[in-house]
């Protein structure tokens, strides 16, 4: 497995994470997004299975559109701010 750390910056600020995700020129991988958000790949796959995070297949691989993924992330941020609930 390739080392994604050199390609994916580690982000701690939520707004900055949205900007990084959205500015991507290529589709995100599940692994790359999980690393960026400091979460597990299982969590990302779960969001895709539930239909909450849009994804598409390229062969057997899942890919995430940068703009759609940033919108998903923003919607989760707004929900956590309004309800005071932290999302995993």
N, C-alpha and C. Protein backbone atom coordinates (compact mmCIF):
# COMPACT_ATOMS: atom_id res chain seq x y z
N UNK A 1 0.83 -1.18 0.00
CA UNK A 1 0.00 0.00 0.00
C UNK A 1 0.88 1.24 0.00
N UNK A 2 0.53 2.20 -0.85
CA UNK A 2 1.31 3.43 -0.93
C UNK A 2 1.14 4.27 0.33
N UNK A 3 2.14 5.06 0.64
CA UNK A 3 2.07 5.97 1.76
C UNK A 3 1.31 7.22 1.33
N UNK A 4 0.11 7.42 1.85
CA UNK A 4 -0.71 8.56 1.47
C UNK A 4 -0.34 9.81 2.25
N UNK A 5 0.48 9.67 3.29
CA UNK A 5 0.81 10.83 4.13
C UNK A 5 1.50 11.93 3.34
N UNK A 6 2.28 11.58 2.35
CA UNK A 6 2.99 12.60 1.59
C UNK A 6 2.05 13.38 0.67
N UNK A 7 0.90 12.78 0.31
CA UNK A 7 -0.03 13.45 -0.59
C UNK A 7 -1.18 14.13 0.12
N UNK A 8 -1.57 13.62 1.29
CA UNK A 8 -2.74 14.12 1.98
C UNK A 8 -2.31 14.90 3.21
N UNK A 9 -2.57 16.20 3.24
CA UNK A 9 -2.20 16.99 4.41
C UNK A 9 -3.07 16.62 5.61
N UNK A 10 -2.52 16.69 6.80
CA UNK A 10 -3.29 16.45 8.01
C UNK A 10 -3.87 17.79 8.43
N UNK A 11 -5.19 17.84 8.58
CA UNK A 11 -5.90 19.08 8.83
C UNK A 11 -6.58 19.00 10.19
N UNK A 12 -6.50 20.06 10.97
CA UNK A 12 -7.16 20.07 12.27
C UNK A 12 -8.35 21.03 12.30
N UNK A 13 -8.40 22.04 11.48
CA UNK A 13 -9.49 23.00 11.45
C UNK A 13 -10.56 22.54 10.47
N UNK A 14 -11.83 22.47 10.92
CA UNK A 14 -12.92 21.94 10.09
C UNK A 14 -13.12 22.73 8.81
N UNK A 15 -13.11 24.06 8.87
CA UNK A 15 -13.30 24.87 7.67
C UNK A 15 -12.16 24.64 6.68
N UNK A 16 -10.96 24.52 7.18
CA UNK A 16 -9.82 24.27 6.32
C UNK A 16 -9.92 22.90 5.67
N UNK A 17 -10.44 21.91 6.41
CA UNK A 17 -10.63 20.57 5.84
C UNK A 17 -11.58 20.63 4.66
N UNK A 18 -12.67 21.38 4.78
CA UNK A 18 -13.61 21.53 3.67
C UNK A 18 -12.93 22.14 2.46
N UNK A 19 -12.12 23.16 2.70
CA UNK A 19 -11.41 23.81 1.60
C UNK A 19 -10.45 22.85 0.91
N UNK A 20 -9.74 22.06 1.69
CA UNK A 20 -8.79 21.11 1.12
C UNK A 20 -9.52 20.05 0.31
N UNK A 21 -10.63 19.53 0.84
CA UNK A 21 -11.39 18.50 0.14
C UNK A 21 -11.93 19.06 -1.17
N UNK A 22 -12.50 20.24 -1.12
CA UNK A 22 -13.14 20.82 -2.30
C UNK A 22 -12.13 21.24 -3.37
N UNK A 23 -10.95 21.63 -2.97
CA UNK A 23 -9.98 22.12 -3.94
C UNK A 23 -9.25 20.99 -4.67
N UNK A 24 -9.53 19.76 -4.28
CA UNK A 24 -8.87 18.62 -4.93
C UNK A 24 -9.17 18.56 -6.41
N UNK A 25 -8.16 18.31 -7.21
CA UNK A 25 -8.31 18.22 -8.65
C UNK A 25 -8.78 16.84 -9.09
N UNK A 26 -8.54 15.86 -8.25
CA UNK A 26 -8.91 14.48 -8.57
C UNK A 26 -9.87 13.98 -7.51
N UNK A 27 -10.55 12.90 -7.82
CA UNK A 27 -11.46 12.29 -6.86
C UNK A 27 -10.69 11.78 -5.65
N UNK A 28 -11.34 11.82 -4.51
CA UNK A 28 -10.74 11.31 -3.29
C UNK A 28 -10.93 9.81 -3.20
N UNK A 29 -9.98 9.14 -2.60
CA UNK A 29 -10.16 7.73 -2.25
C UNK A 29 -10.73 7.68 -0.84
N UNK A 30 -11.31 6.56 -0.49
CA UNK A 30 -11.82 6.38 0.87
C UNK A 30 -10.67 6.52 1.87
N UNK A 31 -9.54 5.91 1.54
CA UNK A 31 -8.38 5.96 2.44
C UNK A 31 -7.87 7.38 2.61
N UNK A 32 -7.78 8.12 1.51
CA UNK A 32 -7.29 9.50 1.58
C UNK A 32 -8.20 10.39 2.40
N UNK A 33 -9.51 10.25 2.22
CA UNK A 33 -10.46 11.06 2.99
C UNK A 33 -10.42 10.70 4.47
N UNK A 34 -10.35 9.41 4.76
CA UNK A 34 -10.28 8.98 6.16
C UNK A 34 -9.03 9.55 6.83
N UNK A 35 -7.93 9.54 6.13
CA UNK A 35 -6.69 10.07 6.69
C UNK A 35 -6.81 11.58 6.93
N UNK A 36 -7.37 12.29 5.97
CA UNK A 36 -7.54 13.74 6.09
C UNK A 36 -8.41 14.09 7.29
N UNK A 37 -9.50 13.35 7.46
CA UNK A 37 -10.45 13.65 8.53
C UNK A 37 -10.11 12.98 9.85
N UNK A 38 -9.01 12.21 9.86
CA UNK A 38 -8.57 11.50 11.05
C UNK A 38 -9.68 10.59 11.58
N UNK A 39 -10.24 9.81 10.68
CA UNK A 39 -11.29 8.86 11.03
C UNK A 39 -10.95 7.52 10.38
N UNK A 40 -11.77 6.53 10.60
CA UNK A 40 -11.50 5.22 10.02
C UNK A 40 -12.11 5.09 8.63
N UNK A 41 -11.55 4.20 7.85
CA UNK A 41 -12.14 3.91 6.55
C UNK A 41 -13.52 3.27 6.75
N UNK A 42 -13.70 2.51 7.82
CA UNK A 42 -15.01 1.90 8.10
C UNK A 42 -16.08 2.96 8.24
N UNK A 43 -15.77 4.08 8.89
CA UNK A 43 -16.73 5.16 9.04
C UNK A 43 -17.12 5.74 7.67
N UNK A 44 -16.13 5.94 6.80
CA UNK A 44 -16.40 6.49 5.47
C UNK A 44 -17.26 5.51 4.68
N UNK A 45 -16.90 4.23 4.70
CA UNK A 45 -17.70 3.22 4.00
C UNK A 45 -19.13 3.18 4.53
N UNK A 46 -19.28 3.30 5.83
CA UNK A 46 -20.61 3.30 6.45
C UNK A 46 -21.45 4.48 5.94
N UNK A 47 -20.85 5.65 5.84
CA UNK A 47 -21.56 6.82 5.34
C UNK A 47 -21.99 6.63 3.89
N UNK A 48 -21.14 5.97 3.11
CA UNK A 48 -21.47 5.68 1.70
C UNK A 48 -22.62 4.68 1.63
N UNK A 49 -22.54 3.60 2.41
CA UNK A 49 -23.60 2.57 2.41
C UNK A 49 -24.95 3.14 2.81
N UNK A 50 -24.94 4.07 3.74
CA UNK A 50 -26.20 4.68 4.20
C UNK A 50 -26.74 5.72 3.22
N UNK A 51 -25.97 6.01 2.18
CA UNK A 51 -26.41 6.99 1.19
C UNK A 51 -26.20 8.43 1.62
N UNK A 52 -25.41 8.64 2.66
CA UNK A 52 -25.16 9.98 3.17
C UNK A 52 -24.00 10.66 2.46
N UNK A 53 -23.03 9.88 2.03
CA UNK A 53 -21.85 10.39 1.34
C UNK A 53 -21.84 9.84 -0.08
N UNK A 54 -22.02 10.71 -1.08
CA UNK A 54 -22.06 10.23 -2.46
C UNK A 54 -20.70 9.69 -2.91
N UNK A 55 -20.75 8.57 -3.61
CA UNK A 55 -19.53 7.95 -4.13
C UNK A 55 -19.87 7.28 -5.45
N UNK A 56 -18.85 7.00 -6.23
CA UNK A 56 -19.05 6.28 -7.48
C UNK A 56 -17.93 5.27 -7.64
N UNK A 57 -18.18 4.29 -8.48
CA UNK A 57 -17.21 3.22 -8.71
C UNK A 57 -16.42 3.46 -9.99
N UNK A 58 -15.15 3.16 -9.90
CA UNK A 58 -14.27 3.07 -11.06
C UNK A 58 -13.73 1.65 -10.98
N UNK A 59 -14.32 0.77 -11.77
CA UNK A 59 -14.01 -0.65 -11.63
C UNK A 59 -14.50 -1.12 -10.28
N UNK A 60 -13.62 -1.66 -9.47
CA UNK A 60 -14.00 -2.12 -8.14
C UNK A 60 -13.69 -1.09 -7.04
N UNK A 61 -13.14 0.06 -7.45
CA UNK A 61 -12.72 1.06 -6.48
C UNK A 61 -13.77 2.15 -6.31
N UNK A 62 -13.95 2.61 -5.07
CA UNK A 62 -14.85 3.73 -4.80
C UNK A 62 -14.08 5.03 -4.88
N UNK A 63 -14.71 6.04 -5.44
CA UNK A 63 -14.12 7.37 -5.52
C UNK A 63 -15.14 8.38 -5.04
N UNK A 64 -14.65 9.51 -4.51
CA UNK A 64 -15.49 10.55 -3.95
C UNK A 64 -15.21 11.86 -4.67
N UNK A 65 -16.26 12.48 -5.19
CA UNK A 65 -16.13 13.75 -5.88
C UNK A 65 -15.77 14.84 -4.86
N UNK A 66 -14.77 15.67 -5.14
CA UNK A 66 -14.34 16.69 -4.17
C UNK A 66 -15.45 17.65 -3.75
N UNK A 67 -16.24 18.15 -4.69
CA UNK A 67 -17.29 19.12 -4.32
C UNK A 67 -18.41 18.45 -3.52
N UNK A 68 -18.85 17.28 -3.94
CA UNK A 68 -19.91 16.56 -3.21
C UNK A 68 -19.42 16.17 -1.81
N UNK A 69 -18.16 15.78 -1.71
CA UNK A 69 -17.60 15.40 -0.42
C UNK A 69 -17.50 16.60 0.51
N UNK A 70 -17.10 17.75 -0.02
CA UNK A 70 -17.03 18.97 0.78
C UNK A 70 -18.42 19.37 1.25
N UNK A 71 -19.43 19.22 0.39
CA UNK A 71 -20.81 19.53 0.79
C UNK A 71 -21.27 18.61 1.90
N UNK A 72 -20.93 17.31 1.81
CA UNK A 72 -21.27 16.35 2.86
C UNK A 72 -20.60 16.77 4.18
N UNK A 73 -19.34 17.14 4.10
CA UNK A 73 -18.61 17.53 5.30
C UNK A 73 -19.22 18.78 5.91
N UNK A 74 -19.56 19.76 5.09
CA UNK A 74 -20.19 20.99 5.59
C UNK A 74 -21.54 20.68 6.26
N UNK A 75 -22.32 19.79 5.68
CA UNK A 75 -23.62 19.46 6.27
C UNK A 75 -23.45 18.80 7.63
N UNK A 76 -22.41 18.02 7.79
CA UNK A 76 -22.14 17.39 9.09
C UNK A 76 -21.68 18.43 10.10
N UNK A 77 -20.90 19.40 9.65
CA UNK A 77 -20.43 20.46 10.54
C UNK A 77 -21.60 21.30 11.02
N UNK A 78 -22.49 21.64 10.13
CA UNK A 78 -23.64 22.46 10.50
C UNK A 78 -24.51 21.70 11.50
N UNK A 79 -24.71 20.41 11.28
CA UNK A 79 -25.51 19.60 12.19
C UNK A 79 -24.91 19.54 13.58
N UNK A 80 -23.58 19.41 13.65
CA UNK A 80 -22.94 19.31 14.95
C UNK A 80 -22.96 20.64 15.68
N UNK A 81 -22.90 21.75 14.95
CA UNK A 81 -22.95 23.07 15.57
C UNK A 81 -24.36 23.33 16.11
N UNK A 82 -25.37 22.99 15.33
CA UNK A 82 -26.75 23.28 15.72
C UNK A 82 -27.22 22.39 16.86
N UNK A 83 -26.84 21.12 16.87
CA UNK A 83 -27.35 20.20 17.88
C UNK A 83 -26.39 19.99 19.04
N UNK A 84 -25.14 20.42 18.85
CA UNK A 84 -24.14 20.20 19.89
C UNK A 84 -23.65 18.77 19.93
N UNK A 85 -23.95 17.99 18.92
CA UNK A 85 -23.56 16.58 18.86
C UNK A 85 -22.29 16.43 18.04
N UNK A 86 -21.33 15.71 18.56
CA UNK A 86 -20.12 15.41 17.82
C UNK A 86 -20.35 14.18 16.98
N UNK A 87 -19.97 14.21 15.71
CA UNK A 87 -20.11 13.05 14.82
C UNK A 87 -18.79 12.32 14.76
N UNK A 88 -18.88 10.96 14.78
CA UNK A 88 -17.73 10.08 14.77
C UNK A 88 -16.92 10.19 13.60
